[in-house]
Amino acid sequence: MPEFILGARGHDFGRHDPETLFSSIGQAGFACTQLAFPKAVEGVKSYADVTPALVERARAAAAASGVGIAVDGTYVELSYADEDKRRAEVAKVLSQIPVARALGAGCMGSETTNMAKQPGVTRKEAQEALLRSLGEILPACEEQGVLFAVECVYYHAMNTPEAVRMVLDTMASPNLRVICDFANYVGPEAASVDAQRRIWDKVGSWYGDKITAVHFKGQNFQPDGTLYSTSLEDSCVDYAGGFEMLRQMPQASLPVLREEAVPARAASDLAFMRRFAY
């Protein structure tokens, strides 16, 4: 059974210099984080602003605070069917692989592009674009010893456990991993506990050993199926079933990262998360 290490997404604490950011995360009681430089660090407007000196400051601040960098968050669109756009997104990832290595991050991570961002493109076309992107990213990750993790989201290109398995099997890379966000697997048609348990069974049996980080957030649905964010306490997500699956996995440890964290609620969020992680 993995040891679950509770953390939070960095940019939920606002945009700060590295020292203030990591200190704030640690003082809130979290032991690790997902760091996205353009979203969380002052003065970073693009990946071009992530200089070696800034990376070293972040690494040192993380070490001083005792907060591990579980995920180097690269918020990119890997499934653009437009080749020029897709290559530009891949270039962002390639530029950050040495950063993830220097930080000692557990992995790099990205979602796979909301289908609403490219109307008229089919999911098959978006998934083919995702495979092309990964085909350019993974050799560099393998060369530099960095893991790259993709995240399933029910309204994105990679949207189901079946799609995740297809991507993993097609790429067959030892450096490809999965970020498991329970909420992002659950669309309005799968909100029942029974439906969620069927999802967790697939995730665990098909690629549970490839999970390298877990996201933890609250969500629910309006009667018309509209998604909205909630507190953890008001969420429809079957955390109990999800963690029952994770406990069967062989990983020595897994970071569990609170997304959409409200720093003032850190203590109650941590108490809620410990109900499932311990």
C-alpha atoms as a PDB file:
ATOM      1  CA  MET A   1       0.000   0.000   0.000  1.00  0.00           C
ATOM      2  CA  PRO A   2       1.416   3.415  -0.892  1.00  0.00           C
ATOM      3  CA  GLU A   3       2.137   6.081   1.673  1.00  0.00           C
ATOM      4  CA  PHE A   4      -0.089   9.033   0.775  1.00  0.00           C
ATOM      5  CA  ILE A   5       1.660  12.401   1.026  1.00  0.00           C
ATOM      6  CA  LEU A   6      -0.823  15.251   1.280  1.00  0.00           C
ATOM      7  CA  GLY A   7      -0.162  18.399  -0.709  1.00  0.00           C
ATOM      8  CA  ALA A   8      -1.778  21.304  -2.540  1.00  0.00           C
ATOM      9  CA  ARG A   9      -1.537  23.028  -5.883  1.00  0.00           C
ATOM     10  CA  GLY A  10       0.864  25.953  -5.661  1.00  0.00           C
ATOM     11  CA  HIS A  11      -1.064  28.620  -7.544  1.00  0.00           C
ATOM     12  CA  ASP A  12      -4.051  28.225  -5.232  1.00  0.00           C
ATOM     13  CA  PHE A  13      -1.881  30.151  -2.780  1.00  0.00           C
ATOM     14  CA  GLY A  14      -1.554  33.073  -5.174  1.00  0.00           C
ATOM     15  CA  ARG A  15       1.410  34.371  -7.127  1.00  0.00           C
ATOM     16  CA  HIS A  16       4.519  34.941  -4.997  1.00  0.00           C
ATOM     17  CA  ASP A  17       8.286  34.793  -5.041  1.00  0.00           C
ATOM     18  CA  PRO A  18       9.492  31.186  -4.538  1.00  0.00           C
ATOM     19  CA  GLU A  19      10.428  31.650  -0.896  1.00  0.00           C
ATOM     20  CA  THR A  20       7.043  33.082   0.102  1.00  0.00           C
ATOM     21  CA  LEU A  21       5.163  30.516  -1.982  1.00  0.00           C
ATOM     22  CA  PHE A  22       6.791  27.435  -0.511  1.00  0.00           C
ATOM     23  CA  SER A  23       6.764  28.847   3.001  1.00  0.00           C
ATOM     24  CA  SER A  24       3.014  29.489   2.732  1.00  0.00           C
ATOM     25  CA  ILE A  25       2.310  25.976   1.478  1.00  0.00           C
ATOM     26  CA  GLY A  26       4.375  24.401   4.247  1.00  0.00           C
ATOM     27  CA  GLN A  27       2.897  26.578   6.992  1.00  0.00           C
ATOM     28  CA  ALA A  28      -0.588  25.547   5.857  1.00  0.00           C
ATOM     29  CA  GLY A  29       0.344  21.953   6.675  1.00  0.00           C
ATOM     30  CA  PHE A  30       0.906  20.550   3.190  1.00  0.00           C
ATOM     31  CA  ALA A  31       3.942  18.358   2.503  1.00  0.00           C
ATOM     32  CA  CYS A  32       4.147  18.643  -1.286  1.00  0.00           C
ATOM     33  CA  THR A  33       2.900  20.721  -4.182  1.00  0.00           C
ATOM     34  CA  GLN A  34       2.235  20.967  -7.892  1.00  0.00           C
ATOM     35  CA  LEU A  35       4.287  23.898  -9.126  1.00  0.00           C
ATOM     36  CA  ALA A  36       3.351  25.757 -12.310  1.00  0.00           C
ATOM     37  CA  PHE A  37       5.797  28.632 -12.734  1.00  0.00           C
ATOM     38  CA  PRO A  38       3.566  30.808 -14.982  1.00  0.00           C
ATOM     39  CA  LYS A  39       0.649  30.528 -12.567  1.00  0.00           C
ATOM     40  CA  ALA A  40       2.374  30.646  -9.170  1.00  0.00           C
ATOM     41  CA  VAL A  41       5.641  32.604  -9.381  1.00  0.00           C
ATOM     42  CA  GLU A  42       5.884  36.382  -9.597  1.00  0.00           C
ATOM     43  CA  GLY A  43       7.352  37.755 -12.814  1.00  0.00           C
ATOM     44  CA  VAL A  44       6.802  34.610 -14.882  1.00  0.00           C
ATOM     45  CA  LYS A  45       4.578  35.444 -17.828  1.00  0.00           C
ATOM     46  CA  SER A  46       5.730  32.591 -20.046  1.00  0.00           C
ATOM     47  CA  TYR A  47       8.022  29.587 -19.884  1.00  0.00           C
ATOM     48  CA  ALA A  48      10.765  31.761 -21.386  1.00  0.00           C
ATOM     49  CA  ASP A  49      10.869  33.589 -18.034  1.00  0.00           C
ATOM     50  CA  VAL A  50      11.805  30.406 -16.154  1.00  0.00           C
ATOM     51  CA  THR A  51      15.539  31.042 -15.874  1.00  0.00           C
ATOM     52  CA  PRO A  52      18.118  28.693 -14.311  1.00  0.00           C
ATOM     53  CA  ALA A  53      18.530  31.170 -11.438  1.00  0.00           C
ATOM     54  CA  LEU A  54      14.781  31.132 -10.763  1.00  0.00           C
ATOM     55  CA  VAL A  55      14.690  27.348 -10.911  1.00  0.00           C
ATOM     56  CA  GLU A  56      17.476  27.174  -8.348  1.00  0.00           C
ATOM     57  CA  ARG A  57      15.610  29.604  -6.080  1.00  0.00           C
ATOM     58  CA  ALA A  58      12.522  27.410  -6.297  1.00  0.00           C
ATOM     59  CA  ARG A  59      14.508  24.251  -5.609  1.00  0.00           C
ATOM     60  CA  ALA A  60      16.189  25.833  -2.596  1.00  0.00           C
ATOM     61  CA  ALA A  61      12.909  27.275  -1.283  1.00  0.00           C
ATOM     62  CA  ALA A  62      11.236  23.888  -1.561  1.00  0.00           C
ATOM     63  CA  ALA A  63      14.087  22.236   0.327  1.00  0.00           C
ATOM     64  CA  ALA A  64      14.074  24.896   3.049  1.00  0.00           C
ATOM     65  CA  SER A  65      10.319  24.588   3.564  1.00  0.00           C
ATOM     66  CA  GLY A  66      10.236  20.799   3.527  1.00  0.00           C
ATOM     67  CA  VAL A  67       7.652  20.901   0.722  1.00  0.00           C
ATOM     68  CA  GLY A  68       8.350  18.415  -2.057  1.00  0.00           C
ATOM     69  CA  ILE A  69       7.673  19.231  -5.710  1.00  0.00           C
ATOM     70  CA  ALA A  70       5.465  16.322  -6.697  1.00  0.00           C
ATOM     71  CA  VAL A  71       4.461  17.695 -10.099  1.00  0.00           C
ATOM     72  CA  ASP A  72       6.032  20.291 -12.349  1.00  0.00           C
ATOM     73  CA  GLY A  73       2.774  21.524 -13.866  1.00  0.00           C
ATOM     74  CA  THR A  74       2.975  22.248 -17.584  1.00  0.00           C
ATOM     75  CA  TYR A  75      -0.384  23.639 -18.622  1.00  0.00           C
ATOM     76  CA  VAL A  76      -0.274  22.944 -22.346  1.00  0.00           C
ATOM     77  CA  GLU A  77      -2.628  21.824 -25.112  1.00  0.00           C
ATOM     78  CA  LEU A  78      -1.171  18.588 -26.425  1.00  0.00           C
ATOM     79  CA  SER A  79      -4.187  17.617 -28.532  1.00  0.00           C
ATOM     80  CA  TYR A  80      -4.474  20.532 -30.943  1.00  0.00           C
ATOM     81  CA  ALA A  81      -5.202  19.150 -34.400  1.00  0.00           C
ATOM     82  CA  ASP A  82      -3.715  22.329 -35.915  1.00  0.00           C
ATOM     83  CA  GLU A  83      -0.079  21.328 -36.390  1.00  0.00           C
ATOM     84  CA  ASP A  84       1.416  24.780 -35.869  1.00  0.00           C
ATOM     85  CA  LYS A  85      -0.446  25.221 -32.590  1.00  0.00           C
ATOM     86  CA  ARG A  86       0.394  21.701 -31.474  1.00  0.00           C
ATOM     87  CA  ARG A  87       4.102  22.070 -32.165  1.00  0.00           C
ATOM     88  CA  ALA A  88       4.179  25.340 -30.225  1.00  0.00           C
ATOM     89  CA  GLU A  89       2.673  23.575 -27.211  1.00  0.00           C
ATOM     90  CA  VAL A  90       5.140  20.702 -27.491  1.00  0.00           C
ATOM     91  CA  ALA A  91       7.991  23.206 -27.592  1.00  0.00           C
ATOM     92  CA  LYS A  92       6.857  24.551 -24.219  1.00  0.00           C
ATOM     93  CA  VAL A  93       7.092  21.078 -22.717  1.00  0.00           C
ATOM     94  CA  LEU A  94      10.495  20.387 -24.250  1.00  0.00           C
ATOM     95  CA  SER A  95      11.810  23.632 -22.768  1.00  0.00           C
ATOM     96  CA  GLN A  96      10.698  22.567 -19.292  1.00  0.00           C
ATOM     97  CA  ILE A  97      12.086  19.027 -19.159  1.00  0.00           C
ATOM     98  CA  PRO A  98      15.481  20.287 -17.871  1.00  0.00           C
ATOM     99  CA  VAL A  99      13.576  22.407 -15.327  1.00  0.00           C
ATOM    100  CA  ALA A 100      11.726  19.389 -13.954  1.00  0.00           C
ATOM    101  CA  ARG A 101      15.014  17.524 -13.728  1.00  0.00           C
ATOM    102  CA  ALA A 102      16.758  20.382 -11.917  1.00  0.00           C
ATOM    103  CA  LEU A 103      13.846  20.691  -9.463  1.00  0.00           C
ATOM    104  CA  GLY A 104      13.873  16.984  -8.724  1.00  0.00           C
ATOM    105  CA  ALA A 105      10.135  16.990  -9.452  1.00  0.00           C
ATOM    106  CA  GLY A 106       8.304  13.687  -9.198  1.00  0.00           C
ATOM    107  CA  CYS A 107       7.002  14.194 -12.725  1.00  0.00           C
ATOM    108  CA  MET A 108       5.857  16.728 -15.269  1.00  0.00           C
ATOM    109  CA  GLY A 109       2.121  16.809 -15.812  1.00  0.00           C
ATOM    110  CA  SER A 110      -0.508  18.027 -18.246  1.00  0.00           C
ATOM    111  CA  GLU A 111      -4.133  17.524 -19.181  1.00  0.00           C
ATOM    112  CA  THR A 112      -4.902  16.745 -22.822  1.00  0.00           C
ATOM    113  CA  THR A 113      -7.022  19.671 -24.198  1.00  0.00           C
ATOM    114  CA  ASN A 114     -10.667  20.508 -23.685  1.00  0.00           C
ATOM    115  CA  MET A 115     -12.655  19.457 -26.763  1.00  0.00           C
ATOM    116  CA  ALA A 116     -14.517  22.787 -26.628  1.00  0.00           C
ATOM    117  CA  LYS A 117     -11.256  24.568 -27.569  1.00  0.00           C
ATOM    118  CA  GLN A 118     -11.322  23.217 -31.109  1.00  0.00           C
ATOM    119  CA  PRO A 119     -14.873  22.937 -32.433  1.00  0.00           C
ATOM    120  CA  GLY A 120     -15.242  20.650 -35.407  1.00  0.00           C
ATOM    121  CA  VAL A 121     -12.338  18.434 -34.403  1.00  0.00           C
ATOM    122  CA  THR A 122     -13.375  14.885 -33.525  1.00  0.00           C
ATOM    123  CA  ARG A 123     -12.112  13.163 -30.417  1.00  0.00           C
ATOM    124  CA  LYS A 124     -10.296  10.632 -32.605  1.00  0.00           C
ATOM    125  CA  GLU A 125      -8.468  13.462 -34.355  1.00  0.00           C
ATOM    126  CA  ALA A 126      -7.621  15.065 -31.008  1.00  0.00           C
ATOM    127  CA  GLN A 127      -6.311  11.768 -29.652  1.00  0.00           C
ATOM    128  CA  GLU A 128      -4.162  11.279 -32.749  1.00  0.00           C
ATOM    129  CA  ALA A 129      -2.705  14.752 -32.164  1.00  0.00           C
ATOM    130  CA  LEU A 130      -2.031  13.811 -28.530  1.00  0.00           C
ATOM    131  CA  LEU A 131      -0.124  10.725 -29.654  1.00  0.00           C
ATOM    132  CA  ARG A 132       1.968  12.839 -32.038  1.00  0.00           C
ATOM    133  CA  SER A 133       2.774  15.243 -29.213  1.00  0.00           C
ATOM    134  CA  LEU A 134       3.771  12.472 -26.837  1.00  0.00           C
ATOM    135  CA  GLY A 135       5.867  10.933 -29.581  1.00  0.00           C
ATOM    136  CA  GLU A 136       7.944  14.124 -29.607  1.00  0.00           C
ATOM    137  CA  ILE A 137       8.019  14.637 -25.831  1.00  0.00           C
ATOM    138  CA  LEU A 138       8.738  11.166 -24.484  1.00  0.00           C
ATOM    139  CA  PRO A 139      12.103  10.532 -26.185  1.00  0.00           C
ATOM    140  CA  ALA A 140      13.440  13.708 -24.561  1.00  0.00           C
ATOM    141  CA  CYS A 141      12.001  12.652 -21.203  1.00  0.00           C
ATOM    142  CA  GLU A 142      13.607   9.238 -21.521  1.00  0.00           C
ATOM    143  CA  GLU A 143      16.952  10.807 -22.413  1.00  0.00           C
ATOM    144  CA  GLN A 144      16.872  13.183 -19.440  1.00  0.00           C
ATOM    145  CA  GLY A 145      15.333  10.795 -16.898  1.00  0.00           C
ATOM    146  CA  VAL A 146      12.092  12.729 -16.374  1.00  0.00           C
ATOM    147  CA  LEU A 147       8.605  11.220 -16.043  1.00  0.00           C
ATOM    148  CA  PHE A 148       5.738  12.795 -17.989  1.00  0.00           C
ATOM    149  CA  ALA A 149       2.186  12.253 -16.731  1.00  0.00           C
ATOM    150  CA  VAL A 150      -1.073  12.824 -18.599  1.00  0.00           C
ATOM    151  CA  GLU A 151      -4.422  13.379 -16.901  1.00  0.00           C
ATOM    152  CA  CYS A 152      -7.790  12.015 -17.974  1.00  0.00           C
ATOM    153  CA  VAL A 153     -10.679  14.532 -18.041  1.00  0.00           C
ATOM    154  CA  TYR A 154     -14.118  13.426 -19.214  1.00  0.00           C
ATOM    155  CA  TYR A 155     -14.535  16.409 -21.578  1.00  0.00           C
ATOM    156  CA  HIS A 156     -10.963  16.395 -22.933  1.00  0.00           C
ATOM    157  CA  ALA A 157      -9.249  14.440 -25.702  1.00  0.00           C
ATOM    158  CA  MET A 158      -8.209  11.643 -23.322  1.00  0.00           C
ATOM    159  CA  ASN A 159     -11.542  11.216 -21.598  1.00  0.00           C
ATOM    160  CA  THR A 160     -12.046   7.661 -20.317  1.00  0.00           C
ATOM    161  CA  PRO A 161     -10.046   4.803 -18.782  1.00  0.00           C
ATOM    162  CA  GLU A 162     -10.234   3.158 -22.195  1.00  0.00           C
ATOM    163  CA  ALA A 163      -8.608   6.203 -23.793  1.00  0.00           C
ATOM    164  CA  VAL A 164      -5.873   6.294 -21.144  1.00  0.00           C
ATOM    165  CA  ARG A 165      -5.092   2.634 -21.709  1.00  0.00           C
ATOM    166  CA  MET A 166      -4.929   3.220 -25.469  1.00  0.00           C
ATOM    167  CA  VAL A 167      -2.451   6.073 -25.003  1.00  0.00           C
ATOM    168  CA  LEU A 168      -0.258   4.090 -22.611  1.00  0.00           C
ATOM    169  CA  ASP A 169      -0.279   1.014 -24.840  1.00  0.00           C
ATOM    170  CA  THR A 170       0.377   2.972 -28.034  1.00  0.00           C
ATOM    171  CA  MET A 171       3.284   4.988 -26.648  1.00  0.00           C
ATOM    172  CA  ALA A 172       4.784   2.097 -24.638  1.00  0.00           C
ATOM    173  CA  SER A 173       7.243   4.456 -22.959  1.00  0.00           C
ATOM    174  CA  PRO A 174       8.810   3.661 -19.582  1.00  0.00           C
ATOM    175  CA  ASN A 175       8.621   7.390 -18.777  1.00  0.00           C
ATOM    176  CA  LEU A 176       4.893   7.878 -19.430  1.00  0.00           C
ATOM    177  CA  ARG A 177       2.721   8.061 -16.317  1.00  0.00           C
ATOM    178  CA  VAL A 178      -0.803   9.068 -15.269  1.00  0.00           C
ATOM    179  CA  ILE A 179      -2.153  11.731 -12.922  1.00  0.00           C
ATOM    180  CA  CYS A 180      -5.361  10.445 -11.360  1.00  0.00           C
ATOM    181  CA  ASP A 181      -7.925  13.131 -10.606  1.00  0.00           C
ATOM    182  CA  PHE A 182     -10.985  11.244  -9.378  1.00  0.00           C
ATOM    183  CA  ALA A 183     -13.313  14.156 -10.114  1.00  0.00           C
ATOM    184  CA  ASN A 184     -12.136  14.467 -13.711  1.00  0.00           C
ATOM    185  CA  TYR A 185     -13.252  10.930 -14.523  1.00  0.00           C
ATOM    186  CA  VAL A 186     -16.794  11.635 -13.335  1.00  0.00           C
ATOM    187  CA  GLY A 187     -19.230  13.187 -15.788  1.00  0.00           C
ATOM    188  CA  PRO A 188     -22.897  13.742 -14.946  1.00  0.00           C
ATOM    189  CA  GLU A 189     -23.850  10.350 -16.357  1.00  0.00           C
ATOM    190  CA  ALA A 190     -21.332   8.606 -14.070  1.00  0.00           C
ATOM    191  CA  ALA A 191     -22.022  10.434 -10.805  1.00  0.00           C
ATOM    192  CA  SER A 192     -23.568   7.463  -8.988  1.00  0.00           C
ATOM    193  CA  VAL A 193     -21.330   5.523  -6.629  1.00  0.00           C
ATOM    194  CA  ASP A 194     -21.886   2.335  -8.623  1.00  0.00           C
ATOM    195  CA  ALA A 195     -20.793   4.012 -11.847  1.00  0.00           C
ATOM    196  CA  GLN A 196     -17.741   5.492 -10.157  1.00  0.00           C
ATOM    197  CA  ARG A 197     -16.755   2.116  -8.704  1.00  0.00           C
ATOM    198  CA  ARG A 198     -16.766   0.666 -12.211  1.00  0.00           C
ATOM    199  CA  ILE A 199     -14.399   3.458 -13.275  1.00  0.00           C
ATOM    200  CA  TRP A 200     -12.029   2.844 -10.350  1.00  0.00           C
ATOM    201  CA  ASP A 201     -11.964  -0.874 -11.157  1.00  0.00           C
ATOM    202  CA  LYS A 202     -10.800  -0.108 -14.687  1.00  0.00           C
ATOM    203  CA  VAL A 203      -8.239   2.476 -13.567  1.00  0.00           C
ATOM    204  CA  GLY A 204      -6.746   0.175 -10.967  1.00  0.00           C
ATOM    205  CA  SER A 205      -6.647  -2.992 -13.033  1.00  0.00           C
ATOM    206  CA  TRP A 206      -5.543  -1.436 -16.333  1.00  0.00           C
ATOM    207  CA  TYR A 207      -2.916   1.110 -15.287  1.00  0.00           C
ATOM    208  CA  GLY A 208      -3.046   1.765 -11.547  1.00  0.00           C
ATOM    209  CA  ASP A 209       0.670   1.030 -11.268  1.00  0.00           C
ATOM    210  CA  LYS A 210       1.322   3.930 -13.670  1.00  0.00           C
ATOM    211  CA  ILE A 211      -0.304   6.536 -11.405  1.00  0.00           C
ATOM    212  CA  THR A 212       2.340   8.968 -10.188  1.00  0.00           C
ATOM    213  CA  ALA A 213       0.159  11.650  -8.525  1.00  0.00           C
ATOM    214  CA  VAL A 214      -3.429  12.058  -7.353  1.00  0.00           C
ATOM    215  CA  HIS A 215      -5.574  15.199  -7.569  1.00  0.00           C
ATOM    216  CA  PHE A 216      -8.246  15.817  -4.951  1.00  0.00           C
ATOM    217  CA  LYS A 217     -11.049  18.326  -5.454  1.00  0.00           C
ATOM    218  CA  GLY A 218     -14.794  18.742  -4.974  1.00  0.00           C
ATOM    219  CA  GLN A 219     -17.449  18.835  -7.668  1.00  0.00           C
ATOM    220  CA  ASN A 220     -21.115  18.187  -8.270  1.00  0.00           C
ATOM    221  CA  PHE A 221     -23.699  18.633 -11.021  1.00  0.00           C
ATOM    222  CA  GLN A 222     -26.800  20.730 -11.499  1.00  0.00           C
ATOM    223  CA  PRO A 223     -29.990  18.847 -12.516  1.00  0.00           C
ATOM    224  CA  ASP A 224     -29.229  19.753 -16.145  1.00  0.00           C
ATOM    225  CA  GLY A 225     -25.769  18.176 -15.884  1.00  0.00           C
ATOM    226  CA  THR A 226     -23.822  21.423 -15.520  1.00  0.00           C
ATOM    227  CA  LEU A 227     -20.590  20.895 -13.598  1.00  0.00           C
ATOM    228  CA  TYR A 228     -19.770  23.113 -10.637  1.00  0.00           C
ATOM    229  CA  SER A 229     -17.031  23.185  -8.000  1.00  0.00           C
ATOM    230  CA  THR A 230     -17.855  22.426  -4.377  1.00  0.00           C
ATOM    231  CA  SER A 231     -16.188  22.045  -1.034  1.00  0.00           C
ATOM    232  CA  LEU A 232     -14.831  18.565  -0.416  1.00  0.00           C
ATOM    233  CA  GLU A 233     -17.704  17.917   1.974  1.00  0.00           C
ATOM    234  CA  ASP A 234     -20.360  18.672  -0.676  1.00  0.00           C
ATOM    235  CA  SER A 235     -18.742  16.729  -3.505  1.00  0.00           C
ATOM    236  CA  CYS A 236     -20.329  13.797  -5.332  1.00  0.00           C
ATOM    237  CA  VAL A 237     -16.930  12.168  -5.871  1.00  0.00           C
ATOM    238  CA  ASP A 238     -16.545   8.667  -4.421  1.00  0.00           C
ATOM    239  CA  TYR A 239     -13.260   9.275  -2.626  1.00  0.00           C
ATOM    240  CA  ALA A 240     -13.693   6.138  -0.494  1.00  0.00           C
ATOM    241  CA  GLY A 241     -13.855   3.895  -3.544  1.00  0.00           C
ATOM    242  CA  GLY A 242     -10.999   5.720  -5.237  1.00  0.00           C
ATOM    243  CA  PHE A 243      -8.685   5.307  -2.274  1.00  0.00           C
ATOM    244  CA  GLU A 244      -9.702   1.694  -1.819  1.00  0.00           C
ATOM    245  CA  MET A 245      -8.361   1.176  -5.335  1.00  0.00           C
ATOM    246  CA  LEU A 246      -5.190   3.163  -4.680  1.00  0.00           C
ATOM    247  CA  ARG A 247      -4.407   1.143  -1.553  1.00  0.00           C
ATOM    248  CA  GLN A 248      -4.000  -1.930  -3.754  1.00  0.00           C
ATOM    249  CA  MET A 249      -1.296  -0.293  -5.851  1.00  0.00           C
ATOM    250  CA  PRO A 250       2.431  -1.152  -5.568  1.00  0.00           C
ATOM    251  CA  GLN A 251       3.834   2.396  -5.440  1.00  0.00           C
ATOM    252  CA  ALA A 252       5.850   3.130  -2.301  1.00  0.00           C
ATOM    253  CA  SER A 253       4.264   6.569  -2.044  1.00  0.00           C
ATOM    254  CA  LEU A 254       1.777   8.772  -3.867  1.00  0.00           C
ATOM    255  CA  PRO A 255       1.310  12.536  -3.570  1.00  0.00           C
ATOM    256  CA  VAL A 256      -2.331  13.544  -3.073  1.00  0.00           C
ATOM    257  CA  LEU A 257      -2.709  17.161  -4.143  1.00  0.00           C
ATOM    258  CA  ARG A 258      -5.623  19.359  -3.128  1.00  0.00           C
ATOM    259  CA  GLU A 259      -6.764  21.346  -6.150  1.00  0.00           C
ATOM    260  CA  GLU A 260      -8.797  24.550  -5.864  1.00  0.00           C
ATOM    261  CA  ALA A 261      -7.497  24.895  -2.330  1.00  0.00           C
ATOM    262  CA  VAL A 262      -8.528  27.852  -0.193  1.00  0.00           C
ATOM    263  CA  PRO A 263      -5.567  28.463   2.128  1.00  0.00           C
ATOM    264  CA  ALA A 264      -7.834  29.557   4.983  1.00  0.00           C
ATOM    265  CA  ARG A 265      -9.544  26.169   4.803  1.00  0.00           C
ATOM    266  CA  ALA A 266      -6.333  24.156   4.762  1.00  0.00           C
ATOM    267  CA  ALA A 267      -6.851  22.587   8.185  1.00  0.00           C
ATOM    268  CA  SER A 268     -10.369  21.331   7.437  1.00  0.00           C
ATOM    269  CA  ASP A 269      -9.340  20.163   3.966  1.00  0.00           C
ATOM    270  CA  LEU A 270      -6.426  18.205   5.410  1.00  0.00           C
ATOM    271  CA  ALA A 271      -8.723  16.648   8.010  1.00  0.00           C
ATOM    272  CA  PHE A 272     -11.108  15.585   5.243  1.00  0.00           C
ATOM    273  CA  MET A 273      -8.306  14.163   3.098  1.00  0.00           C
ATOM    274  CA  ARG A 274      -6.855  12.194   6.019  1.00  0.00           C
ATOM    275  CA  ARG A 275     -10.172  10.347   6.379  1.00  0.00           C
ATOM    276  CA  PHE A 276      -9.339   8.545   3.140  1.00  0.00           C
ATOM    277  CA  ALA A 277      -5.547   8.674   2.987  1.00  0.00           C
ATOM    278  CA  TYR A 278      -4.807   7.203   6.428  1.00  0.00           C
END
